């Protein structure tokens, strides 16, 4: 579980997760990288990512919160909001 609330730290944790768990090259993992178009993640990968983020944050991530996500920066924003409402 992460104990960070700064968006940059959250983004770095997400990038580390994607690099390690999804074996994506770090140079592709930029804040503006689009999950499906740039990183070639599919819907199963997205569900897997949500599960891993839930473990990482120790909180439940609502599917509605992920419907608007397109980029890694969007993910960091959602996680930031979740961590700061606790």
C-alpha atoms as a PDB file:
ATOM      1  CA  UNK A   1       0.000   0.000   0.000  1.00  0.00           C
ATOM      2  CA  UNK A   2       1.323   3.432  -0.873  1.00  0.00           C
ATOM      3  CA  UNK A   3       1.290   6.311   1.555  1.00  0.00           C
ATOM      4  CA  UNK A   4       1.732   9.166  -0.888  1.00  0.00           C
ATOM      5  CA  UNK A   5      -0.637  11.907  -1.865  1.00  0.00           C
ATOM      6  CA  UNK A   6       1.519  13.923  -4.265  1.00  0.00           C
ATOM      7  CA  UNK A   7       0.448  13.449  -7.910  1.00  0.00           C
ATOM      8  CA  UNK A   8       4.047  13.155  -9.149  1.00  0.00           C
ATOM      9  CA  UNK A   9       4.797  10.382  -6.663  1.00  0.00           C
ATOM     10  CA  UNK A  10       1.555   8.626  -7.623  1.00  0.00           C
ATOM     11  CA  UNK A  11       2.418   8.895 -11.323  1.00  0.00           C
ATOM     12  CA  UNK A  12       5.896   7.455 -10.669  1.00  0.00           C
ATOM     13  CA  UNK A  13       4.346   4.548  -8.723  1.00  0.00           C
ATOM     14  CA  UNK A  14       1.961   3.871 -11.637  1.00  0.00           C
ATOM     15  CA  UNK A  15       4.837   3.991 -14.132  1.00  0.00           C
ATOM     16  CA  UNK A  16       6.855   1.574 -11.967  1.00  0.00           C
ATOM     17  CA  UNK A  17       3.856  -0.762 -11.792  1.00  0.00           C
ATOM     18  CA  UNK A  18       3.271  -0.711 -15.542  1.00  0.00           C
ATOM     19  CA  UNK A  19       6.947  -1.258 -16.273  1.00  0.00           C
ATOM     20  CA  UNK A  20       7.262  -4.175 -13.855  1.00  0.00           C
ATOM     21  CA  UNK A  21       3.877  -5.912 -14.094  1.00  0.00           C
ATOM     22  CA  UNK A  22       2.993  -5.230 -17.718  1.00  0.00           C
ATOM     23  CA  UNK A  23       6.569  -5.270 -19.037  1.00  0.00           C
ATOM     24  CA  UNK A  24       6.159  -1.942 -20.812  1.00  0.00           C
ATOM     25  CA  UNK A  25       9.253   0.039 -21.809  1.00  0.00           C
ATOM     26  CA  UNK A  26       9.775   2.978 -19.448  1.00  0.00           C
ATOM     27  CA  UNK A  27      10.375   5.416 -22.325  1.00  0.00           C
ATOM     28  CA  UNK A  28       6.747   4.872 -23.453  1.00  0.00           C
ATOM     29  CA  UNK A  29       5.386   5.594 -19.963  1.00  0.00           C
ATOM     30  CA  UNK A  30       4.895   9.345 -20.078  1.00  0.00           C
ATOM     31  CA  UNK A  31       2.089  11.308 -18.390  1.00  0.00           C
ATOM     32  CA  UNK A  32       0.424  11.862 -21.788  1.00  0.00           C
ATOM     33  CA  UNK A  33       0.723   8.227 -22.907  1.00  0.00           C
ATOM     34  CA  UNK A  34      -2.699   6.903 -23.890  1.00  0.00           C
ATOM     35  CA  UNK A  35      -3.450   3.559 -22.277  1.00  0.00           C
ATOM     36  CA  UNK A  36      -5.025   1.869 -25.263  1.00  0.00           C
ATOM     37  CA  UNK A  37      -3.514   3.653 -28.257  1.00  0.00           C
ATOM     38  CA  UNK A  38       0.077   4.225 -27.089  1.00  0.00           C
ATOM     39  CA  UNK A  39       0.564   1.381 -24.608  1.00  0.00           C
ATOM     40  CA  UNK A  40      -1.563  -1.260 -26.368  1.00  0.00           C
ATOM     41  CA  UNK A  41      -3.406  -2.202 -23.184  1.00  0.00           C
ATOM     42  CA  UNK A  42      -6.737  -3.952 -23.667  1.00  0.00           C
ATOM     43  CA  UNK A  43      -9.816  -4.159 -21.448  1.00  0.00           C
ATOM     44  CA  UNK A  44      -8.467  -7.192 -19.567  1.00  0.00           C
ATOM     45  CA  UNK A  45      -5.239  -5.282 -18.880  1.00  0.00           C
ATOM     46  CA  UNK A  46      -7.330  -2.336 -17.639  1.00  0.00           C
ATOM     47  CA  UNK A  47      -9.192  -4.577 -15.164  1.00  0.00           C
ATOM     48  CA  UNK A  48      -5.891  -6.085 -14.019  1.00  0.00           C
ATOM     49  CA  UNK A  49      -4.495  -2.584 -13.568  1.00  0.00           C
ATOM     50  CA  UNK A  50      -7.504  -1.569 -11.442  1.00  0.00           C
ATOM     51  CA  UNK A  51      -6.992  -4.618  -9.200  1.00  0.00           C
ATOM     52  CA  UNK A  52      -3.293  -3.806  -8.783  1.00  0.00           C
ATOM     53  CA  UNK A  53      -4.072  -0.140  -8.053  1.00  0.00           C
ATOM     54  CA  UNK A  54      -6.614  -1.188  -5.428  1.00  0.00           C
ATOM     55  CA  UNK A  55      -3.935  -3.282  -3.711  1.00  0.00           C
ATOM     56  CA  UNK A  56      -1.440  -0.441  -4.047  1.00  0.00           C
ATOM     57  CA  UNK A  57      -3.803   2.147  -2.539  1.00  0.00           C
ATOM     58  CA  UNK A  58      -5.628  -0.080  -0.057  1.00  0.00           C
ATOM     59  CA  UNK A  59      -8.965   1.273  -1.264  1.00  0.00           C
ATOM     60  CA  UNK A  60     -11.741   0.297  -3.625  1.00  0.00           C
ATOM     61  CA  UNK A  61     -11.583   1.912  -7.037  1.00  0.00           C
ATOM     62  CA  UNK A  62     -15.033   2.381  -8.540  1.00  0.00           C
ATOM     63  CA  UNK A  63     -15.377   1.382 -12.212  1.00  0.00           C
ATOM     64  CA  UNK A  64     -17.124   4.706 -12.923  1.00  0.00           C
ATOM     65  CA  UNK A  65     -13.952   6.500 -11.857  1.00  0.00           C
ATOM     66  CA  UNK A  66     -12.023   4.730 -14.590  1.00  0.00           C
ATOM     67  CA  UNK A  67     -14.445   5.236 -17.468  1.00  0.00           C
ATOM     68  CA  UNK A  68     -13.013   8.648 -18.376  1.00  0.00           C
ATOM     69  CA  UNK A  69      -9.363   7.632 -18.074  1.00  0.00           C
ATOM     70  CA  UNK A  70      -7.316   7.885 -21.243  1.00  0.00           C
ATOM     71  CA  UNK A  71      -3.763   8.725 -20.131  1.00  0.00           C
ATOM     72  CA  UNK A  72      -1.383   7.867 -17.307  1.00  0.00           C
ATOM     73  CA  UNK A  73      -1.889  11.369 -15.958  1.00  0.00           C
ATOM     74  CA  UNK A  74      -5.639  10.651 -15.774  1.00  0.00           C
ATOM     75  CA  UNK A  75      -4.911   7.549 -13.676  1.00  0.00           C
ATOM     76  CA  UNK A  76      -2.739   9.591 -11.318  1.00  0.00           C
ATOM     77  CA  UNK A  77      -5.544  12.145 -10.954  1.00  0.00           C
ATOM     78  CA  UNK A  78      -8.093   9.456 -10.034  1.00  0.00           C
ATOM     79  CA  UNK A  79      -5.736   7.812  -7.520  1.00  0.00           C
ATOM     80  CA  UNK A  80      -4.871  11.224  -6.070  1.00  0.00           C
ATOM     81  CA  UNK A  81      -8.573  11.969  -5.585  1.00  0.00           C
ATOM     82  CA  UNK A  82      -9.202   8.557  -3.977  1.00  0.00           C
ATOM     83  CA  UNK A  83      -6.281   8.886  -1.571  1.00  0.00           C
ATOM     84  CA  UNK A  84      -7.255  12.400  -0.564  1.00  0.00           C
ATOM     85  CA  UNK A  85     -10.877  11.569   0.252  1.00  0.00           C
ATOM     86  CA  UNK A  86      -9.891   9.024   2.893  1.00  0.00           C
END
